[in-house]
Amino acid sequence: MPKAYPREFREDVVRVARNRELGVTLAQVAADLGVHEMTLQKWLRQTDVDDGDIAAIA
């Protein structure tokens, strides 16, 4: 199993992804920061759940 990323790193990556310029894709952000695009999508979704923006899917 791959080593987990530090919480601070995940938070920074999510912040960068959310504040990206128009036309910059999640795939580009993920590649630039060295994470898989699906990993970034999961982090964004989990942050939304944690912030109460969306309901968790069981």
PDB file of N, CA and C in Angstrom:
ATOM      1  N   MET A   1       0.847  -1.180   0.000  1.00  0.00           N
ATOM      2  CA  MET A   1       0.000   0.000   0.000  1.00  0.00           C
ATOM      3  C   MET A   1       0.889   1.239   0.000  1.00  0.00           C
ATOM      4  N   PRO A   2       0.532   2.245  -0.827  1.00  0.00           N
ATOM      5  CA  PRO A   2       1.356   3.449  -0.901  1.00  0.00           C
ATOM      6  C   PRO A   2       1.339   4.227   0.416  1.00  0.00           C
ATOM      7  N   LYS A   3       2.414   4.950   0.650  1.00  0.00           N
ATOM      8  CA  LYS A   3       2.524   5.779   1.840  1.00  0.00           C
ATOM      9  C   LYS A   3       1.530   6.945   1.739  1.00  0.00           C
ATOM     10  N   ALA A   4       0.870   7.258   2.837  1.00  0.00           N
ATOM     11  CA  ALA A   4      -0.101   8.353   2.865  1.00  0.00           C
ATOM     12  C   ALA A   4       0.622   9.699   2.758  1.00  0.00           C
ATOM     13  N   TYR A   5      -0.039  10.653   2.107  1.00  0.00           N
ATOM     14  CA  TYR A   5       0.498  12.002   2.018  1.00  0.00           C
ATOM     15  C   TYR A   5       0.214  12.739   3.327  1.00  0.00           C
ATOM     16  N   PRO A   6       1.104  13.634   3.735  1.00  0.00           N
ATOM     17  CA  PRO A   6       0.847  14.416   4.945  1.00  0.00           C
ATOM     18  C   PRO A   6      -0.410  15.288   4.774  1.00  0.00           C
ATOM     19  N   ARG A   7      -1.129  15.495   5.863  1.00  0.00           N
ATOM     20  CA  ARG A   7      -2.364  16.278   5.837  1.00  0.00           C
ATOM     21  C   ARG A   7      -2.127  17.677   5.255  1.00  0.00           C
ATOM     22  N   GLU A   8      -1.028  18.320   5.634  1.00  0.00           N
ATOM     23  CA  GLU A   8      -0.734  19.670   5.151  1.00  0.00           C
ATOM     24  C   GLU A   8      -0.575  19.688   3.635  1.00  0.00           C
ATOM     25  N   PHE A   9       0.061  18.655   3.091  1.00  0.00           N
ATOM     26  CA  PHE A   9       0.235  18.566   1.653  1.00  0.00           C
ATOM     27  C   PHE A   9      -1.121  18.431   0.962  1.00  0.00           C
ATOM     28  N   ARG A  10      -1.978  17.538   1.492  1.00  0.00           N
ATOM     29  CA  ARG A  10      -3.310  17.361   0.908  1.00  0.00           C
ATOM     30  C   ARG A  10      -4.086  18.671   0.926  1.00  0.00           C
ATOM     31  N   GLU A  11      -4.029  19.377   2.052  1.00  0.00           N
ATOM     32  CA  GLU A  11      -4.743  20.651   2.161  1.00  0.00           C
ATOM     33  C   GLU A  11      -4.228  21.664   1.147  1.00  0.00           C
ATOM     34  N   ASP A  12      -2.917  21.726   0.960  1.00  0.00           N
ATOM     35  CA  ASP A  12      -2.333  22.647  -0.017  1.00  0.00           C
ATOM     36  C   ASP A  12      -2.755  22.296  -1.438  1.00  0.00           C
ATOM     37  N   VAL A  13      -2.747  21.002  -1.758  1.00  0.00           N
ATOM     38  CA  VAL A  13      -3.140  20.567  -3.104  1.00  0.00           C
ATOM     39  C   VAL A  13      -4.605  20.908  -3.363  1.00  0.00           C
ATOM     40  N   VAL A  14      -5.466  20.673  -2.398  1.00  0.00           N
ATOM     41  CA  VAL A  14      -6.887  21.003  -2.549  1.00  0.00           C
ATOM     42  C   VAL A  14      -7.055  22.511  -2.744  1.00  0.00           C
ATOM     43  N   ARG A  15      -6.327  23.299  -1.960  1.00  0.00           N
ATOM     44  CA  ARG A  15      -6.419  24.757  -2.085  1.00  0.00           C
ATOM     45  C   ARG A  15      -5.999  25.211  -3.482  1.00  0.00           C
ATOM     46  N   VAL A  16      -4.888  24.673  -3.977  1.00  0.00           N
ATOM     47  CA  VAL A  16      -4.413  25.027  -5.322  1.00  0.00           C
ATOM     48  C   VAL A  16      -5.448  24.625  -6.368  1.00  0.00           C
ATOM     49  N   ALA A  17      -6.016  23.431  -6.229  1.00  0.00           N
ATOM     50  CA  ALA A  17      -7.006  22.953  -7.202  1.00  0.00           C
ATOM     51  C   ALA A  17      -8.249  23.839  -7.202  1.00  0.00           C
ATOM     52  N   ARG A  18      -8.693  24.249  -6.036  1.00  0.00           N
ATOM     53  CA  ARG A  18      -9.891  25.078  -5.952  1.00  0.00           C
ATOM     54  C   ARG A  18      -9.664  26.490  -6.462  1.00  0.00           C
ATOM     55  N   ASN A  19      -8.434  26.966  -6.375  1.00  0.00           N
ATOM     56  CA  ASN A  19      -8.124  28.340  -6.783  1.00  0.00           C
ATOM     57  C   ASN A  19      -7.451  28.419  -8.149  1.00  0.00           C
ATOM     58  N   ARG A  20      -7.530  27.329  -8.915  1.00  0.00           N
ATOM     59  CA  ARG A  20      -6.863  27.306 -10.218  1.00  0.00           C
ATOM     60  C   ARG A  20      -7.538  28.281 -11.179  1.00  0.00           C
ATOM     61  N   GLU A  21      -6.774  28.728 -12.146  1.00  0.00           N
ATOM     62  CA  GLU A  21      -7.284  29.664 -13.145  1.00  0.00           C
ATOM     63  C   GLU A  21      -8.229  28.956 -14.107  1.00  0.00           C
ATOM     64  N   LEU A  22      -9.095  29.736 -14.704  1.00  0.00           N
ATOM     65  CA  LEU A  22     -10.032  29.221 -15.693  1.00  0.00           C
ATOM     66  C   LEU A  22      -9.246  28.547 -16.817  1.00  0.00           C
ATOM     67  N   GLY A  23      -9.645  27.352 -17.175  1.00  0.00           N
ATOM     68  CA  GLY A  23      -8.984  26.622 -18.246  1.00  0.00           C
ATOM     69  C   GLY A  23      -7.934  25.628 -17.765  1.00  0.00           C
ATOM     70  N   VAL A  24      -7.544  25.718 -16.511  1.00  0.00           N
ATOM     71  CA  VAL A  24      -6.585  24.766 -15.955  1.00  0.00           C
ATOM     72  C   VAL A  24      -7.377  23.581 -15.415  1.00  0.00           C
ATOM     73  N   THR A  25      -7.057  22.395 -15.892  1.00  0.00           N
ATOM     74  CA  THR A  25      -7.814  21.204 -15.507  1.00  0.00           C
ATOM     75  C   THR A  25      -7.269  20.596 -14.210  1.00  0.00           C
ATOM     76  N   LEU A  26      -8.109  19.766 -13.600  1.00  0.00           N
ATOM     77  CA  LEU A  26      -7.653  19.030 -12.423  1.00  0.00           C
ATOM     78  C   LEU A  26      -6.485  18.123 -12.782  1.00  0.00           C
ATOM     79  N   ALA A  27      -6.516  17.559 -13.979  1.00  0.00           N
ATOM     80  CA  ALA A  27      -5.423  16.695 -14.427  1.00  0.00           C
ATOM     81  C   ALA A  27      -4.106  17.467 -14.461  1.00  0.00           C
ATOM     82  N   GLN A  28      -4.141  18.715 -14.905  1.00  0.00           N
ATOM     83  CA  GLN A  28      -2.929  19.528 -14.946  1.00  0.00           C
ATOM     84  C   GLN A  28      -2.426  19.836 -13.539  1.00  0.00           C
ATOM     85  N   VAL A  29      -3.333  20.196 -12.648  1.00  0.00           N
ATOM     86  CA  VAL A  29      -2.956  20.490 -11.269  1.00  0.00           C
ATOM     87  C   VAL A  29      -2.347  19.244 -10.631  1.00  0.00           C
ATOM     88  N   ALA A  30      -3.005  18.106 -10.804  1.00  0.00           N
ATOM     89  CA  ALA A  30      -2.523  16.857 -10.223  1.00  0.00           C
ATOM     90  C   ALA A  30      -1.121  16.527 -10.745  1.00  0.00           C
ATOM     91  N   ALA A  31      -0.932  16.619 -12.042  1.00  0.00           N
ATOM     92  CA  ALA A  31       0.369  16.307 -12.631  1.00  0.00           C
ATOM     93  C   ALA A  31       1.449  17.263 -12.121  1.00  0.00           C
ATOM     94  N   ASP A  32       1.124  18.541 -12.042  1.00  0.00           N
ATOM     95  CA  ASP A  32       2.090  19.533 -11.574  1.00  0.00           C
ATOM     96  C   ASP A  32       2.521  19.273 -10.130  1.00  0.00           C
ATOM     97  N   LEU A  33       1.604  18.737  -9.326  1.00  0.00           N
ATOM     98  CA  LEU A  33       1.891  18.539  -7.908  1.00  0.00           C
ATOM     99  C   LEU A  33       2.269  17.092  -7.565  1.00  0.00           C
ATOM    100  N   GLY A  34       2.303  16.238  -8.585  1.00  0.00           N
ATOM    101  CA  GLY A  34       2.806  14.883  -8.393  1.00  0.00           C
ATOM    102  C   GLY A  34       1.842  13.913  -7.745  1.00  0.00           C
ATOM    103  N   VAL A  35       0.533  14.139  -7.952  1.00  0.00           N
ATOM    104  CA  VAL A  35      -0.458  13.193  -7.449  1.00  0.00           C
ATOM    105  C   VAL A  35      -1.309  12.720  -8.622  1.00  0.00           C
ATOM    106  N   HIS A  36      -1.972  11.611  -8.438  1.00  0.00           N
ATOM    107  CA  HIS A  36      -2.850  11.076  -9.475  1.00  0.00           C
ATOM    108  C   HIS A  36      -4.138  11.909  -9.493  1.00  0.00           C
ATOM    109  N   GLU A  37      -4.691  12.110 -10.672  1.00  0.00           N
ATOM    110  CA  GLU A  37      -5.914  12.906 -10.805  1.00  0.00           C
ATOM    111  C   GLU A  37      -7.051  12.347  -9.949  1.00  0.00           C
ATOM    112  N   MET A  38      -7.203  11.030  -9.895  1.00  0.00           N
ATOM    113  CA  MET A  38      -8.273  10.430  -9.092  1.00  0.00           C
ATOM    114  C   MET A  38      -8.053  10.705  -7.602  1.00  0.00           C
ATOM    115  N   THR A  39      -6.795  10.707  -7.182  1.00  0.00           N
ATOM    116  CA  THR A  39      -6.486  11.031  -5.790  1.00  0.00           C
ATOM    117  C   THR A  39      -6.939  12.450  -5.480  1.00  0.00           C
ATOM    118  N   LEU A  40      -6.645  13.370  -6.361  1.00  0.00           N
ATOM    119  CA  LEU A  40      -7.062  14.762  -6.174  1.00  0.00           C
ATOM    120  C   LEU A  40      -8.583  14.868  -6.127  1.00  0.00           C
ATOM    121  N   GLN A  41      -9.268  14.164  -7.016  1.00  0.00           N
ATOM    122  CA  GLN A  41     -10.732  14.191  -7.008  1.00  0.00           C
ATOM    123  C   GLN A  41     -11.282  13.665  -5.685  1.00  0.00           C
ATOM    124  N   LYS A  42     -10.688  12.611  -5.143  1.00  0.00           N
ATOM    125  CA  LYS A  42     -11.124  12.065  -3.856  1.00  0.00           C
ATOM    126  C   LYS A  42     -10.891  13.071  -2.740  1.00  0.00           C
ATOM    127  N   TRP A  43      -9.738  13.725  -2.757  1.00  0.00           N
ATOM    128  CA  TRP A  43      -9.444  14.724  -1.729  1.00  0.00           C
ATOM    129  C   TRP A  43     -10.428  15.885  -1.796  1.00  0.00           C
ATOM    130  N   LEU A  44     -10.762  16.329  -2.997  1.00  0.00           N
ATOM    131  CA  LEU A  44     -11.731  17.416  -3.148  1.00  0.00           C
ATOM    132  C   LEU A  44     -13.103  16.999  -2.628  1.00  0.00           C
ATOM    133  N   ARG A  45     -13.542  15.790  -2.978  1.00  0.00           N
ATOM    134  CA  ARG A  45     -14.836  15.295  -2.523  1.00  0.00           C
ATOM    135  C   ARG A  45     -14.863  15.150  -1.002  1.00  0.00           C
ATOM    136  N   GLN A  46     -13.786  14.612  -0.426  1.00  0.00           N
ATOM    137  CA  GLN A  46     -13.739  14.441   1.026  1.00  0.00           C
ATOM    138  C   GLN A  46     -13.731  15.786   1.742  1.00  0.00           C
ATOM    139  N   THR A  47     -13.051  16.751   1.177  1.00  0.00           N
ATOM    140  CA  THR A  47     -13.042  18.092   1.772  1.00  0.00           C
ATOM    141  C   THR A  47     -14.440  18.691   1.741  1.00  0.00           C
ATOM    142  N   ASP A  48     -15.175  18.495   0.654  1.00  0.00           N
ATOM    143  CA  ASP A  48     -16.557  18.963   0.573  1.00  0.00           C
ATOM    144  C   ASP A  48     -17.407  18.318   1.653  1.00  0.00           C
ATOM    145  N   VAL A  49     -17.239  17.023   1.859  1.00  0.00           N
ATOM    146  CA  VAL A  49     -17.987  16.311   2.899  1.00  0.00           C
ATOM    147  C   VAL A  49     -17.610  16.843   4.271  1.00  0.00           C
ATOM    148  N   ASP A  50     -16.321  16.980   4.517  1.00  0.00           N
ATOM    149  CA  ASP A  50     -15.848  17.464   5.815  1.00  0.00           C
ATOM    150  C   ASP A  50     -16.352  18.874   6.113  1.00  0.00           C
ATOM    151  N   ASP A  51     -16.459  19.695   5.052  1.00  0.00           N
ATOM    152  CA  ASP A  51     -16.917  21.078   5.212  1.00  0.00           C
ATOM    153  C   ASP A  51     -18.438  21.173   5.255  1.00  0.00           C
ATOM    154  N   GLY A  52     -19.128  20.041   5.030  1.00  0.00           N
ATOM    155  CA  GLY A  52     -20.585  20.039   5.054  1.00  0.00           C
ATOM    156  C   GLY A  52     -21.218  20.536   3.764  1.00  0.00           C
ATOM    157  N   ASP A  53     -20.404  20.657   2.695  1.00  0.00           N
ATOM    158  CA  ASP A  53     -20.928  21.147   1.424  1.00  0.00           C
ATOM    159  C   ASP A  53     -21.733  20.085   0.673  1.00  0.00           C
ATOM    160  N   ILE A  54     -21.398  18.808   0.873  1.00  0.00           N
ATOM    161  CA  ILE A  54     -22.153  17.709   0.268  1.00  0.00           C
ATOM    162  C   ILE A  54     -22.277  16.595   1.292  1.00  0.00           C
ATOM    163  N   ALA A  55     -23.265  15.760   1.099  1.00  0.00           N
ATOM    164  CA  ALA A  55     -23.480  14.623   2.004  1.00  0.00           C
ATOM    165  C   ALA A  55     -22.567  13.468   1.613  1.00  0.00           C
ATOM    166  N   ALA A  56     -22.131  12.740   2.588  1.00  0.00           N
ATOM    167  CA  ALA A  56     -21.308  11.550   2.342  1.00  0.00           C
ATOM    168  C   ALA A  56     -22.178  10.477   1.702  1.00  0.00           C
ATOM    169  N   ILE A  57     -21.605   9.767   0.756  1.00  0.00           N
ATOM    170  CA  ILE A  57     -22.296   8.680   0.092  1.00  0.00           C
ATOM    171  C   ILE A  57     -21.883   7.383   0.788  1.00  0.00           C
ATOM    172  N   ALA A  58     -22.844   6.666   1.272  1.00  0.00           N
ATOM    173  CA  ALA A  58     -22.537   5.442   2.022  1.00  0.00           C
ATOM    174  C   ALA A  58     -22.107   4.322   1.131  1.00  0.00           C
TER     175      ALA A  58
END
